Amino acid sequence: DDAGPYVAGAYLVFVALILIYVTIMATKLSRIERELVELSELVE
């Protein structure tokens, strides 16, 4: 009955880390997509 807040805190930290990871990956993906569009325009 005392462990509940610690378990909830651990889950919150885990979810926060996953959200940070997804944000970083989305940023990298958008940068790569931008560079790919630029390269395809140069080739055209």
All heavy atoms as atom14 arrays in JSON, in Angstrom:
{
  "sequence": "DDAGPYVAGAYLVFVALILIYVTIMATKLSRIERELVELSELVE",
  "atom14_mask": [
    [1, 1, 1, 1, 1, 1, 1, 1, 0, 0, 0, 0, 0, 0],
    [1, 1, 1, 1, 1, 1, 1, 1, 0, 0, 0, 0, 0, 0],
    [1, 1, 1, 1, 1, 0, 0, 0, 0, 0, 0, 0, 0, 0],
    [1, 1, 1, 1, 0, 0, 0, 0, 0, 0, 0, 0, 0, 0],
    [1, 1, 1, 1, 1, 1, 1, 0, 0, 0, 0, 0, 0, 0],
    [1, 1, 1, 1, 1, 1, 1, 1, 1, 1, 1, 1, 0, 0],
    [1, 1, 1, 1, 1, 1, 1, 0, 0, 0, 0, 0, 0, 0],
    [1, 1, 1, 1, 1, 0, 0, 0, 0, 0, 0, 0, 0, 0],
    [1, 1, 1, 1, 0, 0, 0, 0, 0, 0, 0, 0, 0, 0],
    [1, 1, 1, 1, 1, 0, 0, 0, 0, 0, 0, 0, 0, 0],
    [1, 1, 1, 1, 1, 1, 1, 1, 1, 1, 1, 1, 0, 0],
    [1, 1, 1, 1, 1, 1, 1, 1, 0, 0, 0, 0, 0, 0],
    [1, 1, 1, 1, 1, 1, 1, 0, 0, 0, 0, 0, 0, 0],
    [1, 1, 1, 1, 1, 1, 1, 1, 1, 1, 1, 0, 0, 0],
    [1, 1, 1, 1, 1, 1, 1, 0, 0, 0, 0, 0, 0, 0],
    [1, 1, 1, 1, 1, 0, 0, 0, 0, 0, 0, 0, 0, 0],
    [1, 1, 1, 1, 1, 1, 1, 1, 0, 0, 0, 0, 0, 0],
    [1, 1, 1, 1, 1, 1, 1, 1, 0, 0, 0, 0, 0, 0],
    [1, 1, 1, 1, 1, 1, 1, 1, 0, 0, 0, 0, 0, 0],
    [1, 1, 1, 1, 1, 1, 1, 1, 0, 0, 0, 0, 0, 0],
    [1, 1, 1, 1, 1, 1, 1, 1, 1, 1, 1, 1, 0, 0],
    [1, 1, 1, 1, 1, 1, 1, 0, 0, 0, 0, 0, 0, 0],
    [1, 1, 1, 1, 1, 1, 1, 0, 0, 0, 0, 0, 0, 0],
    [1, 1, 1, 1, 1, 1, 1, 1, 0, 0, 0, 0, 0, 0],
    [1, 1, 1, 1, 1, 1, 1, 1, 0, 0, 0, 0, 0, 0],
    [1, 1, 1, 1, 1, 0, 0, 0, 0, 0, 0, 0, 0, 0],
    [1, 1, 1, 1, 1, 1, 1, 0, 0, 0, 0, 0, 0, 0],
    [1, 1, 1, 1, 1, 1, 1, 1, 1, 0, 0, 0, 0, 0],
    [1, 1, 1, 1, 1, 1, 1, 1, 0, 0, 0, 0, 0, 0],
    [1, 1, 1, 1, 1, 1, 0, 0, 0, 0, 0, 0, 0, 0],
    [1, 1, 1, 1, 1, 1, 1, 1, 1, 1, 1, 0, 0, 0],
    [1, 1, 1, 1, 1, 1, 1, 1, 0, 0, 0, 0, 0, 0],
    [1, 1, 1, 1, 1, 1, 1, 1, 1, 0, 0, 0, 0, 0],
    [1, 1, 1, 1, 1, 1, 1, 1, 1, 1, 1, 0, 0, 0],
    [1, 1, 1, 1, 1, 1, 1, 1, 1, 0, 0, 0, 0, 0],
    [1, 1, 1, 1, 1, 1, 1, 1, 0, 0, 0, 0, 0, 0],
    [1, 1, 1, 1, 1, 1, 1, 0, 0, 0, 0, 0, 0, 0],
    [1, 1, 1, 1, 1, 1, 1, 1, 1, 0, 0, 0, 0, 0],
    [1, 1, 1, 1, 1, 1, 1, 1, 0, 0, 0, 0, 0, 0],
    [1, 1, 1, 1, 1, 1, 0, 0, 0, 0, 0, 0, 0, 0],
    [1, 1, 1, 1, 1, 1, 1, 1, 1, 0, 0, 0, 0, 0],
    [1, 1, 1, 1, 1, 1, 1, 1, 0, 0, 0, 0, 0, 0],
    [1, 1, 1, 1, 1, 1, 1, 0, 0, 0, 0, 0, 0, 0],
    [1, 1, 1, 1, 1, 1, 1, 1, 1, 0, 0, 0, 0, 0]
  ],
  "atom14_positions": [
    [[0.82, -1.21, 0.0], [0.0, 0.0, 0.0], [0.86, 1.27, 0.0], [0.4, 2.33, -0.42], [-0.97, 0.01, 1.19], [-0.25, -0.19, 2.52], [0.88, -0.69, 2.51], [-0.86, 0.14, 3.56], [0.0, 0.0, 0.0], [0.0, 0.0, 0.0], [0.0, 0.0, 0.0], [0.0, 0.0, 0.0], [0.0, 0.0, 0.0], [0.0, 0.0, 0.0]],
    [[2.11, 1.2, 0.39], [3.02, 2.36, 0.35], [3.77, 2.45, -0.98], [4.32, 3.5, -1.32], [4.06, 2.28, 1.47], [3.44, 2.48, 2.84], [2.33, 3.07, 2.9], [4.05, 2.06, 3.84], [0.0, 0.0, 0.0], [0.0, 0.0, 0.0], [0.0, 0.0, 0.0], [0.0, 0.0, 0.0], [0.0, 0.0, 0.0], [0.0, 0.0, 0.0]],
    [[3.8, 1.39, -1.76], [4.57, 1.35, -3.0], [3.85, 2.02, -4.16], [4.47, 2.34, -5.18], [4.91, -0.09, -3.36], [0.0, 0.0, 0.0], [0.0, 0.0, 0.0], [0.0, 0.0, 0.0], [0.0, 0.0, 0.0], [0.0, 0.0, 0.0], [0.0, 0.0, 0.0], [0.0, 0.0, 0.0], [0.0, 0.0, 0.0], [0.0, 0.0, 0.0]],
    [[2.56, 2.25, -4.04], [1.77, 2.81, -5.14], [2.33, 4.08, -5.74], [2.49, 4.17, -6.97], [0.0, 0.0, 0.0], [0.0, 0.0, 0.0], [0.0, 0.0, 0.0], [0.0, 0.0, 0.0], [0.0, 0.0, 0.0], [0.0, 0.0, 0.0], [0.0, 0.0, 0.0], [0.0, 0.0, 0.0], [0.0, 0.0, 0.0], [0.0, 0.0, 0.0]],
    [[2.65, 5.09, -4.96], [3.2, 6.32, -5.55], [4.53, 6.11, -6.27], [4.79, 6.75, -7.28], [3.4, 7.24, -4.33], [2.47, 6.71, -3.29], [2.39, 5.23, -3.53], [0.0, 0.0, 0.0], [0.0, 0.0, 0.0], [0.0, 0.0, 0.0], [0.0, 0.0, 0.0], [0.0, 0.0, 0.0], [0.0, 0.0, 0.0], [0.0, 0.0, 0.0]],
    [[5.34, 5.2, -5.77], [6.62, 4.92, -6.43], [6.41, 4.22, -7.78], [7.09, 4.53, -8.75], [7.52, 4.07, -5.53], [7.91, 4.8, -4.27], [7.33, 4.45, -3.04], [8.84, 5.83, -4.3], [7.68, 5.12, -1.88], [9.19, 6.51, -3.15], [8.6, 6.15, -1.95], [8.94, 6.82, -0.8], [0.0, 0.0, 0.0], [0.0, 0.0, 0.0]],
    [[5.46, 3.32, -7.83], [5.15, 2.63, -9.09], [4.59, 3.64, -10.08], [4.99, 3.66, -11.25], [4.15, 1.47, -8.85], [3.69, 0.88, -10.16], [4.79, 0.39, -7.98], [0.0, 0.0, 0.0], [0.0, 0.0, 0.0], [0.0, 0.0, 0.0], [0.0, 0.0, 0.0], [0.0, 0.0, 0.0], [0.0, 0.0, 0.0], [0.0, 0.0, 0.0]],
    [[3.68, 4.49, -9.64], [3.13, 5.52, -10.52], [4.23, 6.45, -11.01], [4.27, 6.82, -12.2], [2.04, 6.3, -9.79], [0.0, 0.0, 0.0], [0.0, 0.0, 0.0], [0.0, 0.0, 0.0], [0.0, 0.0, 0.0], [0.0, 0.0, 0.0], [0.0, 0.0, 0.0], [0.0, 0.0, 0.0], [0.0, 0.0, 0.0], [0.0, 0.0, 0.0]],
    [[5.13, 6.84, -10.15], [6.24, 7.7, -10.53], [7.14, 7.03, -11.56], [7.59, 7.66, -12.52], [0.0, 0.0, 0.0], [0.0, 0.0, 0.0], [0.0, 0.0, 0.0], [0.0, 0.0, 0.0], [0.0, 0.0, 0.0], [0.0, 0.0, 0.0], [0.0, 0.0, 0.0], [0.0, 0.0, 0.0], [0.0, 0.0, 0.0], [0.0, 0.0, 0.0]],
    [[7.4, 5.74, -11.36], [8.23, 5.01, -12.31], [7.56, 4.96, -13.68], [8.22, 5.13, -14.71], [8.5, 3.6, -11.8], [0.0, 0.0, 0.0], [0.0, 0.0, 0.0], [0.0, 0.0, 0.0], [0.0, 0.0, 0.0], [0.0, 0.0, 0.0], [0.0, 0.0, 0.0], [0.0, 0.0, 0.0], [0.0, 0.0, 0.0], [0.0, 0.0, 0.0]],
    [[6.26, 4.72, -13.71], [5.53, 4.71, -14.98], [5.56, 6.09, -15.63], [5.73, 6.21, -16.86], [4.08, 4.25, -14.79], [3.93, 2.75, -14.81], [3.58, 2.06, -13.64], [4.13, 2.02, -15.96], [3.45, 0.68, -13.65], [4.0, 0.65, -15.98], [3.65, -0.02, -14.82], [3.51, -1.39, -14.83], [0.0, 0.0, 0.0], [0.0, 0.0, 0.0]],
    [[5.42, 7.14, -14.86], [5.46, 8.5, -15.42], [6.83, 8.8, -16.02], [6.93, 9.38, -17.11], [5.11, 9.52, -14.35], [3.64, 9.6, -13.96], [3.46, 10.57, -12.79], [2.8, 10.04, -15.14], [0.0, 0.0, 0.0], [0.0, 0.0, 0.0], [0.0, 0.0, 0.0], [0.0, 0.0, 0.0], [0.0, 0.0, 0.0], [0.0, 0.0, 0.0]],
    [[7.89, 8.4, -15.35], [9.23, 8.6, -15.89], [9.41, 7.81, -17.18], [9.95, 8.32, -18.17], [10.3, 8.22, -14.84], [11.69, 8.15, -15.47], [10.28, 9.19, -13.68], [0.0, 0.0, 0.0], [0.0, 0.0, 0.0], [0.0, 0.0, 0.0], [0.0, 0.0, 0.0], [0.0, 0.0, 0.0], [0.0, 0.0, 0.0], [0.0, 0.0, 0.0]],
    [[8.93, 6.58, -17.19], [9.03, 5.74, -18.38], [8.29, 6.36, -19.55], [8.82, 6.46, -20.67], [8.48, 4.34, -18.07], [8.5, 3.41, -19.24], [9.69, 2.88, -19.7], [7.32, 3.05, -19.88], [9.71, 2.01, -20.79], [7.33, 2.2, -20.95], [8.53, 1.68, -21.41], [0.0, 0.0, 0.0], [0.0, 0.0, 0.0], [0.0, 0.0, 0.0]],
    [[7.07, 6.82, -19.33], [6.28, 7.44, -20.4], [6.94, 8.73, -20.87], [6.99, 9.02, -22.07], [4.83, 7.7, -19.92], [4.07, 8.58, -20.9], [4.1, 6.38, -19.73], [0.0, 0.0, 0.0], [0.0, 0.0, 0.0], [0.0, 0.0, 0.0], [0.0, 0.0, 0.0], [0.0, 0.0, 0.0], [0.0, 0.0, 0.0], [0.0, 0.0, 0.0]],
    [[7.5, 9.51, -19.95], [8.19, 10.74, -20.33], [9.4, 10.44, -21.2], [9.64, 11.12, -22.21], [8.62, 11.51, -19.08], [0.0, 0.0, 0.0], [0.0, 0.0, 0.0], [0.0, 0.0, 0.0], [0.0, 0.0, 0.0], [0.0, 0.0, 0.0], [0.0, 0.0, 0.0], [0.0, 0.0, 0.0], [0.0, 0.0, 0.0], [0.0, 0.0, 0.0]],
    [[10.16, 9.41, -20.86], [11.32, 9.02, -21.67], [10.9, 8.58, -23.06], [11.55, 8.91, -24.06], [12.13, 7.93, -20.97], [12.9, 8.37, -19.73], [13.53, 7.17, -19.04], [13.96, 9.39, -20.1], [0.0, 0.0, 0.0], [0.0, 0.0, 0.0], [0.0, 0.0, 0.0], [0.0, 0.0, 0.0], [0.0, 0.0, 0.0], [0.0, 0.0, 0.0]],
    [[9.81, 7.83, -23.14], [9.32, 7.39, -24.46], [8.88, 8.6, -25.29], [9.16, 8.67, -26.48], [8.19, 6.37, -24.3], [8.78, 5.08, -23.77], [7.45, 6.16, -25.61], [7.98, 3.86, -23.93], [0.0, 0.0, 0.0], [0.0, 0.0, 0.0], [0.0, 0.0, 0.0], [0.0, 0.0, 0.0], [0.0, 0.0, 0.0], [0.0, 0.0, 0.0]],
    [[8.19, 9.55, -24.68], [7.77, 10.74, -25.4], [8.97, 11.56, -25.88], [8.96, 12.07, -27.02], [6.87, 11.6, -24.52], [5.46, 11.06, -24.29], [4.72, 11.94, -23.29], [4.69, 10.96, -25.59], [0.0, 0.0, 0.0], [0.0, 0.0, 0.0], [0.0, 0.0, 0.0], [0.0, 0.0, 0.0], [0.0, 0.0, 0.0], [0.0, 0.0, 0.0]],
    [[9.98, 11.67, -25.07], [11.2, 12.39, -25.48], [11.85, 11.68, -26.65], [12.25, 12.31, -27.64], [12.17, 12.53, -24.29], [11.58, 13.49, -23.26], [13.55, 12.99, -24.75], [12.32, 13.51, -21.94], [0.0, 0.0, 0.0], [0.0, 0.0, 0.0], [0.0, 0.0, 0.0], [0.0, 0.0, 0.0], [0.0, 0.0, 0.0], [0.0, 0.0, 0.0]],
    [[11.94, 10.35, -26.59], [12.53, 9.57, -27.67], [11.76, 9.75, -28.97], [12.34, 9.98, -30.03], [12.58, 8.1, -27.26], [13.05, 7.18, -28.36], [14.4, 7.08, -28.68], [12.14, 6.42, -29.1], [14.84, 6.25, -29.68], [12.57, 5.59, -30.12], [13.92, 5.51, -30.4], [14.34, 4.69, -31.41], [0.0, 0.0, 0.0], [0.0, 0.0, 0.0]],
    [[10.44, 9.66, -28.9], [9.6, 9.81, -30.09], [9.75, 11.22, -30.67], [9.82, 11.39, -31.9], [8.13, 9.49, -29.77], [7.2, 9.92, -30.88], [7.97, 8.0, -29.48], [0.0, 0.0, 0.0], [0.0, 0.0, 0.0], [0.0, 0.0, 0.0], [0.0, 0.0, 0.0], [0.0, 0.0, 0.0], [0.0, 0.0, 0.0], [0.0, 0.0, 0.0]],
    [[9.84, 12.22, -29.82], [10.02, 13.59, -30.3], [11.36, 13.75, -31.02], [11.42, 14.37, -32.09], [9.96, 14.58, -29.11], [8.7, 14.42, -28.45], [10.12, 16.01, -29.56], [0.0, 0.0, 0.0], [0.0, 0.0, 0.0], [0.0, 0.0, 0.0], [0.0, 0.0, 0.0], [0.0, 0.0, 0.0], [0.0, 0.0, 0.0], [0.0, 0.0, 0.0]],
    [[12.41, 13.18, -30.46], [13.72, 13.26, -31.1], [13.69, 12.55, -32.45], [14.2, 13.06, -33.45], [14.81, 12.66, -30.18], [15.02, 13.57, -28.98], [16.12, 12.45, -30.93], [15.89, 12.96, -27.89], [0.0, 0.0, 0.0], [0.0, 0.0, 0.0], [0.0, 0.0, 0.0], [0.0, 0.0, 0.0], [0.0, 0.0, 0.0], [0.0, 0.0, 0.0]],
    [[13.08, 11.37, -32.51], [13.01, 10.63, -33.77], [12.18, 11.37, -34.81], [12.53, 11.4, -35.99], [12.43, 9.23, -33.54], [13.34, 8.29, -32.79], [14.87, 8.0, -33.66], [16.04, 8.71, -32.56], [0.0, 0.0, 0.0], [0.0, 0.0, 0.0], [0.0, 0.0, 0.0], [0.0, 0.0, 0.0], [0.0, 0.0, 0.0], [0.0, 0.0, 0.0]],
    [[11.09, 12.01, -34.39], [10.25, 12.77, -35.33], [11.02, 13.96, -35.88], [10.92, 14.29, -37.07], [8.98, 13.22, -34.64], [0.0, 0.0, 0.0], [0.0, 0.0, 0.0], [0.0, 0.0, 0.0], [0.0, 0.0, 0.0], [0.0, 0.0, 0.0], [0.0, 0.0, 0.0], [0.0, 0.0, 0.0], [0.0, 0.0, 0.0], [0.0, 0.0, 0.0]],
    [[11.8, 14.61, -35.03], [12.61, 15.74, -35.48], [13.65, 15.29, -36.5], [13.83, 15.94, -37.54], [13.3, 16.4, -34.27], [12.31, 16.78, -33.33], [14.11, 17.62, -34.68], [0.0, 0.0, 0.0], [0.0, 0.0, 0.0], [0.0, 0.0, 0.0], [0.0, 0.0, 0.0], [0.0, 0.0, 0.0], [0.0, 0.0, 0.0], [0.0, 0.0, 0.0]],
    [[14.31, 14.19, -36.21], [15.31, 13.68, -37.15], [14.66, 13.27, -38.47], [15.21, 13.52, -39.54], [16.05, 12.48, -36.54], [17.04, 12.87, -35.49], [17.8, 11.66, -34.99], [18.84, 12.06, -33.98], [19.69, 10.93, -33.59], [0.0, 0.0, 0.0], [0.0, 0.0, 0.0], [0.0, 0.0, 0.0], [0.0, 0.0, 0.0], [0.0, 0.0, 0.0]],
    [[13.5, 12.64, -38.39], [12.8, 12.21, -39.6], [12.41, 13.4, -40.46], [12.58, 13.37, -41.68], [11.57, 11.38, -39.24], [10.74, 10.85, -40.41], [11.57, 9.92, -41.28], [9.52, 10.13, -39.89], [0.0, 0.0, 0.0], [0.0, 0.0, 0.0], [0.0, 0.0, 0.0], [0.0, 0.0, 0.0], [0.0, 0.0, 0.0], [0.0, 0.0, 0.0]],
    [[11.9, 14.46, -39.85], [11.51, 15.63, -40.63], [12.73, 16.28, -41.27], [12.67, 16.75, -42.41], [10.74, 16.62, -39.77], [11.58, 17.19, -38.8], [0.0, 0.0, 0.0], [0.0, 0.0, 0.0], [0.0, 0.0, 0.0], [0.0, 0.0, 0.0], [0.0, 0.0, 0.0], [0.0, 0.0, 0.0], [0.0, 0.0, 0.0], [0.0, 0.0, 0.0]],
    [[13.86, 16.3, -40.57], [15.08, 16.86, -41.16], [15.55, 16.02, -42.34], [15.91, 16.56, -43.4], [16.19, 16.93, -40.1], [17.5, 17.51, -40.65], [18.59, 17.57, -39.59], [18.76, 16.36, -38.84], [19.51, 15.31, -39.23], [20.15, 15.36, -40.39], [19.64, 14.25, -38.48], [0.0, 0.0, 0.0], [0.0, 0.0, 0.0], [0.0, 0.0, 0.0]],
    [[15.5, 14.72, -42.2], [15.91, 13.83, -43.29], [14.97, 13.99, -44.48], [15.41, 14.01, -45.64], [15.96, 12.37, -42.8], [17.15, 12.2, -41.85], [16.08, 11.4, -43.97], [17.19, 10.87, -41.13], [0.0, 0.0, 0.0], [0.0, 0.0, 0.0], [0.0, 0.0, 0.0], [0.0, 0.0, 0.0], [0.0, 0.0, 0.0], [0.0, 0.0, 0.0]],
    [[13.67, 14.1, -44.23], [12.71, 14.3, -45.33], [12.99, 15.61, -46.05], [12.95, 15.67, -47.28], [11.28, 14.29, -44.8], [10.79, 12.92, -44.41], [9.4, 12.93, -43.81], [8.87, 14.03, -43.51], [8.84, 11.84, -43.65], [0.0, 0.0, 0.0], [0.0, 0.0, 0.0], [0.0, 0.0, 0.0], [0.0, 0.0, 0.0], [0.0, 0.0, 0.0]],
    [[13.29, 16.68, -45.3], [13.61, 17.97, -45.92], [14.85, 17.85, -46.8], [14.89, 18.36, -47.93], [13.86, 19.0, -44.81], [12.91, 20.14, -44.81], [13.26, 21.25, -43.83], [14.26, 21.0, -42.83], [14.03, 20.64, -41.56], [12.8, 20.45, -41.15], [15.0, 20.46, -40.71], [0.0, 0.0, 0.0], [0.0, 0.0, 0.0], [0.0, 0.0, 0.0]],
    [[15.88, 17.18, -46.29], [17.11, 17.01, -47.06], [16.86, 16.16, -48.3], [17.44, 16.43, -49.36], [18.19, 16.39, -46.19], [18.71, 17.33, -45.11], [19.72, 16.68, -44.18], [19.97, 15.47, -44.33], [20.23, 17.38, -43.31], [0.0, 0.0, 0.0], [0.0, 0.0, 0.0], [0.0, 0.0, 0.0], [0.0, 0.0, 0.0], [0.0, 0.0, 0.0]],
    [[16.01, 15.16, -48.18], [15.7, 14.31, -49.32], [14.97, 15.09, -50.41], [15.27, 14.94, -51.6], [14.86, 13.11, -48.87], [14.6, 12.02, -49.89], [15.91, 11.46, -50.42], [13.77, 10.92, -49.27], [0.0, 0.0, 0.0], [0.0, 0.0, 0.0], [0.0, 0.0, 0.0], [0.0, 0.0, 0.0], [0.0, 0.0, 0.0], [0.0, 0.0, 0.0]],
    [[14.04, 15.94, -50.02], [13.34, 16.78, -51.0], [14.32, 17.71, -51.68], [14.29, 17.89, -52.91], [12.2, 17.58, -50.3], [11.68, 18.68, -51.19], [11.09, 16.65, -49.89], [0.0, 0.0, 0.0], [0.0, 0.0, 0.0], [0.0, 0.0, 0.0], [0.0, 0.0, 0.0], [0.0, 0.0, 0.0], [0.0, 0.0, 0.0], [0.0, 0.0, 0.0]],
    [[15.23, 18.3, -50.91], [16.23, 19.19, -51.47], [17.12, 18.45, -52.47], [17.41, 18.96, -53.56], [17.07, 19.8, -50.36], [18.08, 20.82, -50.82], [18.88, 21.38, -49.66], [18.34, 21.49, -48.55], [20.06, 21.74, -49.88], [0.0, 0.0, 0.0], [0.0, 0.0, 0.0], [0.0, 0.0, 0.0], [0.0, 0.0, 0.0], [0.0, 0.0, 0.0]],
    [[17.54, 17.26, -52.1], [18.39, 16.47, -53.01], [17.65, 16.09, -54.29], [18.21, 16.17, -55.39], [18.89, 15.21, -52.31], [20.01, 15.41, -51.3], [20.29, 14.11, -50.56], [21.26, 15.9, -51.99], [0.0, 0.0, 0.0], [0.0, 0.0, 0.0], [0.0, 0.0, 0.0], [0.0, 0.0, 0.0], [0.0, 0.0, 0.0], [0.0, 0.0, 0.0]],
    [[16.39, 15.71, -54.17], [15.64, 15.34, -55.37], [15.43, 16.55, -56.28], [15.48, 16.42, -57.51], [14.3, 14.7, -55.0], [13.46, 15.63, -54.38], [0.0, 0.0, 0.0], [0.0, 0.0, 0.0], [0.0, 0.0, 0.0], [0.0, 0.0, 0.0], [0.0, 0.0, 0.0], [0.0, 0.0, 0.0], [0.0, 0.0, 0.0], [0.0, 0.0, 0.0]],
    [[15.24, 17.74, -55.7], [15.13, 18.95, -56.51], [16.44, 19.25, -57.22], [16.44, 19.63, -58.4], [14.71, 20.13, -55.65], [13.28, 20.07, -55.17], [12.94, 21.16, -54.17], [13.84, 21.93, -53.76], [11.75, 21.23, -53.8], [0.0, 0.0, 0.0], [0.0, 0.0, 0.0], [0.0, 0.0, 0.0], [0.0, 0.0, 0.0], [0.0, 0.0, 0.0]],
    [[17.56, 19.06, -56.54], [18.86, 19.26, -57.18], [19.06, 18.29, -58.34], [19.55, 18.68, -59.4], [19.98, 19.09, -56.15], [20.18, 20.23, -55.16], [21.19, 19.81, -54.09], [20.63, 21.49, -55.85], [0.0, 0.0, 0.0], [0.0, 0.0, 0.0], [0.0, 0.0, 0.0], [0.0, 0.0, 0.0], [0.0, 0.0, 0.0], [0.0, 0.0, 0.0]],
    [[18.67, 17.06, -58.15], [18.81, 16.06, -59.22], [17.93, 16.41, -60.4], [18.35, 16.31, -61.56], [18.48, 14.64, -58.67], [18.32, 13.65, -59.81], [19.55, 14.19, -57.71], [0.0, 0.0, 0.0], [0.0, 0.0, 0.0], [0.0, 0.0, 0.0], [0.0, 0.0, 0.0], [0.0, 0.0, 0.0], [0.0, 0.0, 0.0], [0.0, 0.0, 0.0]],
    [[16.69, 16.85, -60.12], [15.8, 17.23, -61.21], [16.35, 18.41, -62.0], [16.31, 18.43, -63.23], [14.42, 17.58, -60.66], [13.62, 16.38, -60.21], [12.29, 16.77, -59.6], [11.87, 17.95, -59.74], [11.67, 15.9, -58.97], [0.0, 0.0, 0.0], [0.0, 0.0, 0.0], [0.0, 0.0, 0.0], [0.0, 0.0, 0.0], [0.0, 0.0, 0.0]]
  ]
}
